[in-house]
Amino acid sequence: MAALSVALLSACVKWNNTNMTGTLPRLAFTMTRARDGKTVTAKDYHGKVVLLYFGYSFCTDVCPRTLSSIADVLKDMKSKAADVRVLFVTVDPKRDTLAVLKRYESLFGPQFDALRGTPDELAALAKRYRVSYTVAPAQDGRPYDVTHSSAVYAFARDGRIRLLLSKLSGDKPDIAGTAADLSRLVGGE
């Protein structure tokens, strides 16, 4: 009964982004963090609002635009941004070495952690959150090609899915609205 009450109250809350409460499983993964080479899990981020984004450092448009928008959101949040972590999971671990990812994450801010997994870890995490991606290395005159979903998922401090941040990758990202949503999550909503 309590779970139903929480679900109904969550449905009534007006968010600027898409309410995903209860639609996906809790945050769970095991990967290597580029910054220090440490194996991390979702438990390492418990108590923080976590943004999960899949991409790759060689992306020339959507990834840097989305990550820059997230950095702008965090600036807008001021001191509340200290309670947010952005997990950038590479879908191209062949080219995205830990050194490459470490340099890439540093372009966006201290709240960004680039993560790299084995092919099996990556596939399991992508499947868990219904993220699609393909990597086709160059061959027979075709260039190297990577495609991926551009979803940014926001998880509450306890690892529950809360929002799909769908307004960050376009030409006019909703920085203020997304900052307001994340501030509410930081505050415990």
C-alpha atoms as a PDB file:
ATOM      1  CA  MET A   1       0.000   0.000   0.000  1.00  0.00           C
ATOM      2  CA  ALA A   2       2.866   2.376   0.862  1.00  0.00           C
ATOM      3  CA  ALA A   3       4.530   1.701  -2.499  1.00  0.00           C
ATOM      4  CA  LEU A   4       1.283   2.492  -4.307  1.00  0.00           C
ATOM      5  CA  SER A   5       0.954   5.771  -2.374  1.00  0.00           C
ATOM      6  CA  VAL A   6       4.516   6.774  -3.304  1.00  0.00           C
ATOM      7  CA  ALA A   7       3.891   5.897  -6.964  1.00  0.00           C
ATOM      8  CA  LEU A   8       0.674   7.938  -7.023  1.00  0.00           C
ATOM      9  CA  LEU A   9       2.327  10.931  -5.358  1.00  0.00           C
ATOM     10  CA  SER A  10       5.249  10.717  -7.792  1.00  0.00           C
ATOM     11  CA  ALA A  11       2.811  10.760 -10.710  1.00  0.00           C
ATOM     12  CA  CYS A  12       1.270  13.999  -9.380  1.00  0.00           C
ATOM     13  CA  VAL A  13       4.567  15.880  -9.092  1.00  0.00           C
ATOM     14  CA  LYS A  14       5.159  18.227 -12.016  1.00  0.00           C
ATOM     15  CA  TRP A  15       8.622  17.798 -13.502  1.00  0.00           C
ATOM     16  CA  ASN A  16      10.267  19.653 -16.374  1.00  0.00           C
ATOM     17  CA  ASN A  17      11.686  16.365 -17.689  1.00  0.00           C
ATOM     18  CA  THR A  18      10.052  12.932 -18.046  1.00  0.00           C
ATOM     19  CA  ASN A  19       9.056  11.174 -14.826  1.00  0.00           C
ATOM     20  CA  MET A  20      10.394   7.608 -14.972  1.00  0.00           C
ATOM     21  CA  THR A  21       9.665   6.588 -11.378  1.00  0.00           C
ATOM     22  CA  GLY A  22       9.233   2.829 -11.152  1.00  0.00           C
ATOM     23  CA  THR A  23       9.841   2.097 -14.853  1.00  0.00           C
ATOM     24  CA  LEU A  24      13.419   0.800 -14.705  1.00  0.00           C
ATOM     25  CA  PRO A  25      15.443  -1.129 -12.123  1.00  0.00           C
ATOM     26  CA  ARG A  26      17.640   0.503  -9.485  1.00  0.00           C
ATOM     27  CA  LEU A  27      21.093   1.672 -10.452  1.00  0.00           C
ATOM     28  CA  ALA A  28      23.443  -1.330 -10.546  1.00  0.00           C
ATOM     29  CA  PHE A  29      26.757  -1.838 -12.348  1.00  0.00           C
ATOM     30  CA  THR A  30      30.432  -2.758 -12.003  1.00  0.00           C
ATOM     31  CA  MET A  31      32.896  -0.798 -14.157  1.00  0.00           C
ATOM     32  CA  THR A  32      36.300   0.867 -14.075  1.00  0.00           C
ATOM     33  CA  ARG A  33      36.475   4.588 -13.310  1.00  0.00           C
ATOM     34  CA  ALA A  34      38.866   6.410 -15.632  1.00  0.00           C
ATOM     35  CA  ARG A  35      39.997   9.013 -13.095  1.00  0.00           C
ATOM     36  CA  ASP A  36      41.774   6.530 -10.819  1.00  0.00           C
ATOM     37  CA  GLY A  37      41.480   3.115 -12.501  1.00  0.00           C
ATOM     38  CA  LYS A  38      39.370   1.867  -9.580  1.00  0.00           C
ATOM     39  CA  THR A  39      36.615  -0.711 -10.018  1.00  0.00           C
ATOM     40  CA  VAL A  40      33.395   0.969  -8.896  1.00  0.00           C
ATOM     41  CA  THR A  41      29.802  -0.102  -8.410  1.00  0.00           C
ATOM     42  CA  ALA A  42      26.549   1.742  -7.856  1.00  0.00           C
ATOM     43  CA  LYS A  43      27.232   1.514  -4.103  1.00  0.00           C
ATOM     44  CA  ASP A  44      30.126   3.955  -4.567  1.00  0.00           C
ATOM     45  CA  TYR A  45      27.580   6.596  -5.625  1.00  0.00           C
ATOM     46  CA  HIS A  46      24.881   5.842  -3.046  1.00  0.00           C
ATOM     47  CA  GLY A  47      23.735   9.068  -1.416  1.00  0.00           C
ATOM     48  CA  LYS A  48      24.284  11.136  -4.564  1.00  0.00           C
ATOM     49  CA  VAL A  49      21.871  11.978  -7.350  1.00  0.00           C
ATOM     50  CA  VAL A  50      23.328  10.094 -10.314  1.00  0.00           C
ATOM     51  CA  LEU A  51      22.996  10.929 -14.001  1.00  0.00           C
ATOM     52  CA  LEU A  52      23.739   7.988 -16.304  1.00  0.00           C
ATOM     53  CA  TYR A  53      24.692   8.666 -19.913  1.00  0.00           C
ATOM     54  CA  PHE A  54      26.084   6.337 -22.576  1.00  0.00           C
ATOM     55  CA  GLY A  55      28.328   7.743 -25.309  1.00  0.00           C
ATOM     56  CA  TYR A  56      31.918   7.847 -26.519  1.00  0.00           C
ATOM     57  CA  SER A  57      34.706  10.393 -26.519  1.00  0.00           C
ATOM     58  CA  PHE A  58      35.178  10.457 -30.300  1.00  0.00           C
ATOM     59  CA  CYS A  59      31.559  11.581 -30.808  1.00  0.00           C
ATOM     60  CA  THR A  60      31.542  14.909 -32.624  1.00  0.00           C
ATOM     61  CA  ASP A  61      28.077  16.242 -31.853  1.00  0.00           C
ATOM     62  CA  VAL A  62      25.487  14.711 -29.496  1.00  0.00           C
ATOM     63  CA  CYS A  63      27.857  13.582 -26.706  1.00  0.00           C
ATOM     64  CA  PRO A  64      29.789  16.834 -26.244  1.00  0.00           C
ATOM     65  CA  ARG A  65      26.605  18.891 -26.612  1.00  0.00           C
ATOM     66  CA  THR A  66      24.763  16.793 -24.021  1.00  0.00           C
ATOM     67  CA  LEU A  67      27.680  16.717 -21.571  1.00  0.00           C
ATOM     68  CA  SER A  68      28.210  20.475 -21.971  1.00  0.00           C
ATOM     69  CA  SER A  69      24.524  21.032 -21.253  1.00  0.00           C
ATOM     70  CA  ILE A  70      24.814  18.888 -18.123  1.00  0.00           C
ATOM     71  CA  ALA A  71      27.837  20.954 -17.045  1.00  0.00           C
ATOM     72  CA  ASP A  72      25.735  24.102 -17.519  1.00  0.00           C
ATOM     73  CA  VAL A  73      22.940  22.563 -15.434  1.00  0.00           C
ATOM     74  CA  LEU A  74      25.414  21.827 -12.643  1.00  0.00           C
ATOM     75  CA  LYS A  75      26.709  25.418 -12.731  1.00  0.00           C
ATOM     76  CA  ASP A  76      23.126  26.632 -12.474  1.00  0.00           C
ATOM     77  CA  MET A  77      22.598  24.424  -9.415  1.00  0.00           C
ATOM     78  CA  LYS A  78      25.481  26.128  -7.571  1.00  0.00           C
ATOM     79  CA  SER A  79      26.302  24.373  -4.256  1.00  0.00           C
ATOM     80  CA  LYS A  80      23.645  21.677  -4.789  1.00  0.00           C
ATOM     81  CA  ALA A  81      25.727  20.309  -7.679  1.00  0.00           C
ATOM     82  CA  ALA A  82      28.119  18.804  -5.116  1.00  0.00           C
ATOM     83  CA  ASP A  83      25.460  16.129  -4.517  1.00  0.00           C
ATOM     84  CA  VAL A  84      25.281  15.087  -8.192  1.00  0.00           C
ATOM     85  CA  ARG A  85      27.530  12.672 -10.075  1.00  0.00           C
ATOM     86  CA  VAL A  86      27.470  12.234 -13.839  1.00  0.00           C
ATOM     87  CA  LEU A  87      28.448   8.765 -15.027  1.00  0.00           C
ATOM     88  CA  PHE A  88      29.588   8.773 -18.652  1.00  0.00           C
ATOM     89  CA  VAL A  89      29.702   5.144 -19.811  1.00  0.00           C
ATOM     90  CA  THR A  90      31.653   4.576 -23.007  1.00  0.00           C
ATOM     91  CA  VAL A  91      30.058   2.403 -25.664  1.00  0.00           C
ATOM     92  CA  ASP A  92      33.396   2.353 -27.527  1.00  0.00           C
ATOM     93  CA  PRO A  93      35.861   0.800 -25.065  1.00  0.00           C
ATOM     94  CA  LYS A  94      38.222  -0.225 -27.870  1.00  0.00           C
ATOM     95  CA  ARG A  95      39.174   3.404 -28.576  1.00  0.00           C
ATOM     96  CA  ASP A  96      38.137   4.914 -25.241  1.00  0.00           C
ATOM     97  CA  THR A  97      41.035   3.790 -23.084  1.00  0.00           C
ATOM     98  CA  LEU A  98      41.147   4.905 -19.467  1.00  0.00           C
ATOM     99  CA  ALA A  99      43.669   7.627 -20.378  1.00  0.00           C
ATOM    100  CA  VAL A 100      41.440   8.953 -23.179  1.00  0.00           C
ATOM    101  CA  LEU A 101      38.392   8.925 -20.911  1.00  0.00           C
ATOM    102  CA  LYS A 102      40.255  10.647 -18.082  1.00  0.00           C
ATOM    103  CA  ARG A 103      41.154  13.539 -20.401  1.00  0.00           C
ATOM    104  CA  TYR A 104      37.624  13.660 -21.791  1.00  0.00           C
ATOM    105  CA  GLU A 105      35.836  13.762 -18.422  1.00  0.00           C
ATOM    106  CA  SER A 106      38.115  16.603 -17.281  1.00  0.00           C
ATOM    107  CA  LEU A 107      36.630  18.817 -20.003  1.00  0.00           C
ATOM    108  CA  PHE A 108      33.267  18.912 -18.241  1.00  0.00           C
ATOM    109  CA  GLY A 109      33.852  19.189 -14.505  1.00  0.00           C
ATOM    110  CA  PRO A 110      34.676  17.421 -11.255  1.00  0.00           C
ATOM    111  CA  GLN A 111      31.235  15.783 -10.952  1.00  0.00           C
ATOM    112  CA  PHE A 112      31.858  13.758 -14.127  1.00  0.00           C
ATOM    113  CA  ASP A 113      33.153  10.195 -13.890  1.00  0.00           C
ATOM    114  CA  ALA A 114      33.921   8.372 -17.122  1.00  0.00           C
ATOM    115  CA  LEU A 115      33.401   4.621 -16.823  1.00  0.00           C
ATOM    116  CA  ARG A 116      34.706   1.788 -18.954  1.00  0.00           C
ATOM    117  CA  GLY A 117      33.573  -1.798 -18.747  1.00  0.00           C
ATOM    118  CA  THR A 118      34.336  -5.076 -20.382  1.00  0.00           C
ATOM    119  CA  PRO A 119      32.133  -5.870 -23.377  1.00  0.00           C
ATOM    120  CA  ASP A 120      29.978  -8.075 -21.114  1.00  0.00           C
ATOM    121  CA  GLU A 121      29.664  -5.399 -18.393  1.00  0.00           C
ATOM    122  CA  LEU A 122      28.731  -2.789 -20.980  1.00  0.00           C
ATOM    123  CA  ALA A 123      26.183  -5.057 -22.665  1.00  0.00           C
ATOM    124  CA  ALA A 124      24.580  -5.957 -19.327  1.00  0.00           C
ATOM    125  CA  LEU A 125      24.315  -2.317 -18.232  1.00  0.00           C
ATOM    126  CA  ALA A 126      22.917  -1.187 -21.590  1.00  0.00           C
ATOM    127  CA  LYS A 127      20.357  -3.992 -21.530  1.00  0.00           C
ATOM    128  CA  ARG A 128      19.368  -3.152 -17.939  1.00  0.00           C
ATOM    129  CA  TYR A 129      18.441   0.411 -18.970  1.00  0.00           C
ATOM    130  CA  ARG A 130      17.261  -0.366 -22.512  1.00  0.00           C
ATOM    131  CA  VAL A 131      20.063   1.551 -24.187  1.00  0.00           C
ATOM    132  CA  SER A 132      21.000   0.602 -27.726  1.00  0.00           C
ATOM    133  CA  TYR A 133      24.417   1.006 -29.275  1.00  0.00           C
ATOM    134  CA  THR A 134      26.463  -0.441 -32.111  1.00  0.00           C
ATOM    135  CA  VAL A 135      30.151  -0.268 -32.953  1.00  0.00           C
ATOM    136  CA  ALA A 136      31.303  -1.104 -36.469  1.00  0.00           C
ATOM    137  CA  PRO A 137      35.081  -0.816 -36.856  1.00  0.00           C
ATOM    138  CA  ALA A 138      36.425   0.468 -40.174  1.00  0.00           C
ATOM    139  CA  GLN A 139      36.745  -2.208 -42.840  1.00  0.00           C
ATOM    140  CA  ASP A 140      36.346  -2.651 -46.572  1.00  0.00           C
ATOM    141  CA  GLY A 141      36.385   1.110 -47.155  1.00  0.00           C
ATOM    142  CA  ARG A 142      33.722   1.836 -44.529  1.00  0.00           C
ATOM    143  CA  PRO A 143      34.656   4.281 -41.768  1.00  0.00           C
ATOM    144  CA  TYR A 144      34.566   3.427 -38.067  1.00  0.00           C
ATOM    145  CA  ASP A 145      30.951   3.936 -36.983  1.00  0.00           C
ATOM    146  CA  VAL A 146      29.380   4.159 -33.522  1.00  0.00           C
ATOM    147  CA  THR A 147      25.705   4.762 -32.833  1.00  0.00           C
ATOM    148  CA  HIS A 148      23.979   4.979 -29.469  1.00  0.00           C
ATOM    149  CA  SER A 149      20.864   6.134 -27.656  1.00  0.00           C
ATOM    150  CA  SER A 150      21.133   9.628 -26.220  1.00  0.00           C
ATOM    151  CA  ALA A 151      19.121   9.136 -23.040  1.00  0.00           C
ATOM    152  CA  VAL A 152      20.277  10.683 -19.766  1.00  0.00           C
ATOM    153  CA  TYR A 153      18.778   8.920 -16.769  1.00  0.00           C
ATOM    154  CA  ALA A 154      18.540  10.567 -13.341  1.00  0.00           C
ATOM    155  CA  PHE A 155      18.577   8.348 -10.260  1.00  0.00           C
ATOM    156  CA  ALA A 156      17.638   9.460  -6.743  1.00  0.00           C
ATOM    157  CA  ARG A 157      20.090   9.230  -3.850  1.00  0.00           C
ATOM    158  CA  ASP A 158      18.872   5.702  -3.081  1.00  0.00           C
ATOM    159  CA  GLY A 159      19.483   4.450  -6.642  1.00  0.00           C
ATOM    160  CA  ARG A 160      15.858   4.515  -7.815  1.00  0.00           C
ATOM    161  CA  ILE A 161      15.170   5.782 -11.340  1.00  0.00           C
ATOM    162  CA  ARG A 162      13.375   9.130 -11.274  1.00  0.00           C
ATOM    163  CA  LEU A 163      13.760  11.067 -14.530  1.00  0.00           C
ATOM    164  CA  LEU A 164      14.672  10.877 -18.179  1.00  0.00           C
ATOM    165  CA  LEU A 165      16.472  14.127 -18.961  1.00  0.00           C
ATOM    166  CA  SER A 166      15.218  14.537 -22.493  1.00  0.00           C
ATOM    167  CA  LYS A 167      15.796  18.253 -22.949  1.00  0.00           C
ATOM    168  CA  LEU A 168      19.601  18.497 -23.035  1.00  0.00           C
ATOM    169  CA  SER A 169      20.879  17.424 -26.444  1.00  0.00           C
ATOM    170  CA  GLY A 170      19.007  19.831 -28.704  1.00  0.00           C
ATOM    171  CA  ASP A 171      19.858  23.325 -29.906  1.00  0.00           C
ATOM    172  CA  LYS A 172      17.943  24.918 -27.017  1.00  0.00           C
ATOM    173  CA  PRO A 173      18.566  22.771 -23.932  1.00  0.00           C
ATOM    174  CA  ASP A 174      16.359  23.398 -20.899  1.00  0.00           C
ATOM    175  CA  ILE A 175      19.143  24.251 -18.452  1.00  0.00           C
ATOM    176  CA  ALA A 176      16.962  26.039 -15.872  1.00  0.00           C
ATOM    177  CA  GLY A 177      14.198  23.411 -15.894  1.00  0.00           C
ATOM    178  CA  THR A 178      16.645  20.538 -15.611  1.00  0.00           C
ATOM    179  CA  ALA A 179      18.555  22.323 -12.821  1.00  0.00           C
ATOM    180  CA  ALA A 180      15.249  22.772 -10.970  1.00  0.00           C
ATOM    181  CA  ASP A 181      14.422  19.072 -11.375  1.00  0.00           C
ATOM    182  CA  LEU A 182      17.835  17.936 -10.152  1.00  0.00           C
ATOM    183  CA  SER A 183      17.731  20.395  -7.252  1.00  0.00           C
ATOM    184  CA  ARG A 184      14.459  18.813  -6.185  1.00  0.00           C
ATOM    185  CA  LEU A 185      16.053  15.352  -6.343  1.00  0.00           C
ATOM    186  CA  VAL A 186      19.025  16.602  -4.308  1.00  0.00           C
ATOM    187  CA  GLY A 187      16.494  17.918  -1.782  1.00  0.00           C
ATOM    188  CA  GLY A 188      14.936  14.460  -1.467  1.00  0.00           C
ATOM    189  CA  GLU A 189      11.855  14.602  -3.711  1.00  0.00           C
END
